[in-house]
N, C-alpha and C. Protein backbone atom coordinates (compact mmCIF):
# COMPACT_ATOMS: atom_id res chain seq x y z
N MET A 1 47.71 20.40 23.92
CA MET A 1 48.40 21.35 24.78
C MET A 1 48.48 20.76 26.17
N GLY A 2 49.56 20.94 26.82
CA GLY A 2 49.64 20.47 28.18
C GLY A 2 50.89 19.65 28.42
N PRO A 3 51.00 19.11 29.57
CA PRO A 3 49.96 19.03 30.59
C PRO A 3 49.73 20.37 31.30
N LEU A 4 48.51 20.55 31.76
CA LEU A 4 48.12 21.74 32.51
C LEU A 4 47.58 21.31 33.87
N PRO A 5 47.69 22.16 34.88
CA PRO A 5 47.12 21.82 36.19
C PRO A 5 45.60 21.69 36.11
N ALA A 6 45.08 20.72 36.82
CA ALA A 6 43.63 20.47 36.80
C ALA A 6 42.84 21.68 37.29
N ASP A 7 43.43 22.47 38.18
CA ASP A 7 42.67 23.59 38.73
C ASP A 7 42.60 24.79 37.80
N THR A 8 43.35 24.78 36.69
CA THR A 8 43.28 25.90 35.74
C THR A 8 42.76 25.49 34.37
N VAL A 9 42.93 24.24 33.97
CA VAL A 9 42.53 23.83 32.63
C VAL A 9 41.03 24.01 32.43
N PHE A 10 40.23 23.77 33.46
CA PHE A 10 38.78 23.92 33.31
C PHE A 10 38.37 25.38 33.22
N HIS A 11 39.14 26.26 33.80
CA HIS A 11 38.89 27.69 33.66
C HIS A 11 39.02 28.08 32.19
N PHE A 12 40.11 27.64 31.55
CA PHE A 12 40.32 27.94 30.14
C PHE A 12 39.27 27.25 29.26
N ALA A 13 38.92 26.03 29.61
CA ALA A 13 37.92 25.30 28.82
C ALA A 13 36.56 25.99 28.90
N ALA A 14 36.19 26.50 30.07
CA ALA A 14 34.91 27.19 30.23
C ALA A 14 34.87 28.48 29.42
N GLN A 15 36.02 29.05 29.15
CA GLN A 15 36.09 30.26 28.33
C GLN A 15 36.09 29.94 26.83
N GLY A 16 36.07 28.64 26.50
CA GLY A 16 36.03 28.24 25.10
C GLY A 16 37.39 28.00 24.47
N ARG A 17 38.42 27.99 25.26
CA ARG A 17 39.78 27.81 24.72
C ARG A 17 40.02 26.38 24.25
N PHE A 18 39.31 25.42 24.84
CA PHE A 18 39.47 24.02 24.48
C PHE A 18 38.12 23.41 24.14
N ALA A 19 38.09 22.49 23.20
CA ALA A 19 36.87 21.76 22.87
C ALA A 19 36.67 20.57 23.79
N ALA A 20 37.75 20.07 24.36
CA ALA A 20 37.68 18.91 25.25
C ALA A 20 38.85 18.96 26.22
N VAL A 21 38.68 18.27 27.35
CA VAL A 21 39.73 18.16 28.35
C VAL A 21 39.94 16.68 28.64
N LEU A 22 41.17 16.25 28.58
CA LEU A 22 41.53 14.87 28.91
C LEU A 22 42.11 14.86 30.32
N ALA A 23 41.47 14.12 31.20
CA ALA A 23 41.95 14.01 32.58
C ALA A 23 42.52 12.61 32.78
N MET A 24 43.62 12.53 33.49
CA MET A 24 44.25 11.24 33.73
C MET A 24 43.54 10.44 34.82
N TYR A 25 42.85 11.12 35.71
CA TYR A 25 42.18 10.46 36.82
C TYR A 25 40.74 10.98 36.95
N HIS A 26 39.86 10.12 37.41
CA HIS A 26 38.45 10.44 37.60
C HIS A 26 38.27 11.71 38.42
N ASP A 27 38.93 11.81 39.55
CA ASP A 27 38.73 12.94 40.45
C ASP A 27 39.32 14.25 39.92
N GLN A 28 40.26 14.17 39.01
CA GLN A 28 40.80 15.39 38.41
C GLN A 28 39.80 16.02 37.46
N GLY A 29 39.08 15.19 36.73
CA GLY A 29 38.24 15.70 35.67
C GLY A 29 36.77 15.83 35.99
N LEU A 30 36.21 14.84 36.66
CA LEU A 30 34.76 14.83 36.82
C LEU A 30 34.26 15.89 37.80
N GLY A 31 35.03 16.20 38.84
CA GLY A 31 34.59 17.23 39.79
C GLY A 31 34.39 18.59 39.13
N PRO A 32 35.42 19.12 38.48
CA PRO A 32 35.26 20.41 37.80
C PRO A 32 34.23 20.36 36.67
N LEU A 33 34.18 19.25 35.95
CA LEU A 33 33.21 19.12 34.86
C LEU A 33 31.78 19.19 35.39
N LYS A 34 31.52 18.49 36.49
CA LYS A 34 30.18 18.51 37.08
C LYS A 34 29.83 19.88 37.64
N LEU A 35 30.83 20.58 38.15
CA LEU A 35 30.59 21.92 38.64
C LEU A 35 30.11 22.84 37.52
N LEU A 36 30.70 22.70 36.34
CA LEU A 36 30.36 23.55 35.21
C LEU A 36 29.14 23.08 34.42
N HIS A 37 28.94 21.76 34.32
CA HIS A 37 27.92 21.24 33.40
C HIS A 37 27.15 20.06 33.98
N PHE A 38 26.79 20.11 35.25
CA PHE A 38 26.09 18.97 35.86
C PHE A 38 24.81 18.68 35.09
N GLY A 39 24.61 17.41 34.77
CA GLY A 39 23.42 16.99 34.05
C GLY A 39 23.52 17.10 32.54
N GLN A 40 24.63 17.62 32.04
CA GLN A 40 24.80 17.76 30.59
C GLN A 40 26.06 17.05 30.09
N ALA A 41 26.97 16.77 30.99
CA ALA A 41 28.28 16.24 30.60
C ALA A 41 28.24 14.72 30.42
N VAL A 42 29.24 14.23 29.71
CA VAL A 42 29.38 12.80 29.46
C VAL A 42 30.77 12.36 29.85
N ASN A 43 30.87 11.25 30.53
CA ASN A 43 32.14 10.64 30.89
C ASN A 43 32.39 9.54 29.86
N THR A 44 33.56 9.56 29.23
CA THR A 44 33.89 8.51 28.28
C THR A 44 35.31 8.00 28.57
N THR A 45 35.55 6.75 28.26
CA THR A 45 36.85 6.15 28.46
C THR A 45 37.48 5.88 27.09
N LEU A 46 38.67 6.39 26.90
CA LEU A 46 39.38 6.19 25.64
C LEU A 46 40.31 4.99 25.74
N GLY A 47 40.64 4.40 24.62
CA GLY A 47 41.62 3.32 24.57
C GLY A 47 41.06 1.94 24.78
N LEU A 48 39.75 1.81 24.89
CA LEU A 48 39.15 0.48 25.03
C LEU A 48 38.85 -0.09 23.65
N ALA A 49 38.58 -1.37 23.59
CA ALA A 49 38.25 -2.02 22.32
C ALA A 49 36.80 -1.75 21.91
N PHE A 50 36.05 -1.07 22.76
CA PHE A 50 34.64 -0.77 22.50
C PHE A 50 34.34 0.63 23.04
N PRO A 51 33.33 1.30 22.50
CA PRO A 51 32.99 2.62 23.03
C PRO A 51 32.33 2.50 24.40
N ARG A 52 32.70 3.38 25.32
CA ARG A 52 32.14 3.38 26.66
C ARG A 52 31.82 4.82 27.07
N THR A 53 30.55 5.09 27.34
CA THR A 53 30.13 6.39 27.83
C THR A 53 29.27 6.18 29.07
N SER A 54 29.17 7.21 29.90
CA SER A 54 28.28 7.15 31.05
C SER A 54 27.84 8.57 31.40
N PRO A 55 26.69 8.69 32.07
CA PRO A 55 26.24 10.00 32.52
C PRO A 55 27.23 10.60 33.51
N ASP A 56 27.15 11.90 33.71
CA ASP A 56 28.09 12.57 34.61
C ASP A 56 27.72 12.44 36.08
N HIS A 57 26.64 11.77 36.37
CA HIS A 57 26.18 11.68 37.76
C HIS A 57 26.23 10.25 38.26
N GLY A 58 25.98 10.08 39.53
CA GLY A 58 25.96 8.75 40.13
C GLY A 58 24.65 8.04 39.88
N THR A 59 24.36 7.07 40.72
CA THR A 59 23.18 6.24 40.52
C THR A 59 21.87 6.95 40.88
N GLY A 60 21.91 7.91 41.75
CA GLY A 60 20.70 8.66 42.10
C GLY A 60 19.70 7.86 42.92
N TYR A 61 20.20 6.97 43.78
CA TYR A 61 19.29 6.16 44.59
C TYR A 61 18.33 7.02 45.42
N ASP A 62 18.76 8.20 45.81
CA ASP A 62 17.90 9.06 46.62
C ASP A 62 16.71 9.60 45.84
N LEU A 63 16.74 9.48 44.51
CA LEU A 63 15.64 9.97 43.68
C LEU A 63 14.67 8.86 43.25
N VAL A 64 15.01 7.61 43.53
CA VAL A 64 14.16 6.49 43.11
C VAL A 64 12.76 6.66 43.67
N GLY A 65 11.78 6.59 42.78
CA GLY A 65 10.38 6.65 43.18
C GLY A 65 9.86 8.04 43.47
N THR A 66 10.68 9.08 43.31
CA THR A 66 10.23 10.43 43.63
C THR A 66 9.70 11.17 42.41
N GLY A 67 10.00 10.69 41.22
CA GLY A 67 9.60 11.39 40.00
C GLY A 67 10.44 12.62 39.71
N GLN A 68 11.57 12.78 40.40
CA GLN A 68 12.42 13.95 40.23
C GLN A 68 13.66 13.69 39.38
N ALA A 69 13.89 12.45 39.00
CA ALA A 69 15.08 12.12 38.22
C ALA A 69 15.01 12.78 36.85
N ARG A 70 16.16 13.22 36.36
CA ARG A 70 16.26 13.82 35.03
C ARG A 70 17.11 12.91 34.15
N LEU A 71 16.80 12.88 32.89
CA LEU A 71 17.49 12.00 31.95
C LEU A 71 18.46 12.73 31.04
N ASP A 72 18.70 14.00 31.28
CA ASP A 72 19.53 14.81 30.38
C ASP A 72 20.92 14.22 30.15
N SER A 73 21.61 13.88 31.22
CA SER A 73 22.97 13.37 31.08
C SER A 73 22.98 11.98 30.46
N PHE A 74 21.98 11.17 30.79
CA PHE A 74 21.88 9.86 30.15
C PHE A 74 21.67 10.01 28.65
N ALA A 75 20.78 10.93 28.27
CA ALA A 75 20.53 11.16 26.85
C ALA A 75 21.79 11.65 26.14
N ALA A 76 22.57 12.51 26.80
CA ALA A 76 23.82 13.00 26.21
C ALA A 76 24.82 11.85 26.06
N ALA A 77 24.90 10.98 27.06
CA ALA A 77 25.82 9.84 27.00
C ALA A 77 25.42 8.88 25.89
N TYR A 78 24.13 8.65 25.75
CA TYR A 78 23.63 7.76 24.69
C TYR A 78 23.88 8.39 23.32
N GLY A 79 23.67 9.70 23.21
CA GLY A 79 23.92 10.38 21.94
C GLY A 79 25.37 10.29 21.51
N LEU A 80 26.29 10.49 22.46
CA LEU A 80 27.71 10.35 22.13
C LEU A 80 28.04 8.91 21.75
N LEU A 81 27.47 7.97 22.47
CA LEU A 81 27.71 6.56 22.16
C LEU A 81 27.30 6.23 20.73
N THR A 82 26.14 6.71 20.31
CA THR A 82 25.69 6.42 18.93
C THR A 82 26.62 7.06 17.90
N GLN A 83 27.19 8.22 18.23
CA GLN A 83 28.14 8.84 17.33
C GLN A 83 29.44 8.04 17.24
N LEU A 84 29.88 7.50 18.37
CA LEU A 84 31.12 6.73 18.40
C LEU A 84 30.98 5.40 17.69
N VAL A 85 29.79 4.81 17.77
CA VAL A 85 29.56 3.51 17.13
C VAL A 85 29.50 3.71 15.64
């Protein structure tokens, strides 16, 4: 279905209308996704010759050595990667 505006598609997705949202650009998709599911979401790139996933967050340099880092999004990215492989 679509194309739909980025500012409304995530509203419908949060209500369960869509199982997935395909965004054409990083800033269209990751901002709303992180707002709804920070620490649980996975970023994946389609169309490559190999599976590519990554956590929904940045590097977290501000958390290095603090013991506050969480691995939830990394675990989700790894889990999706194993399914794709």
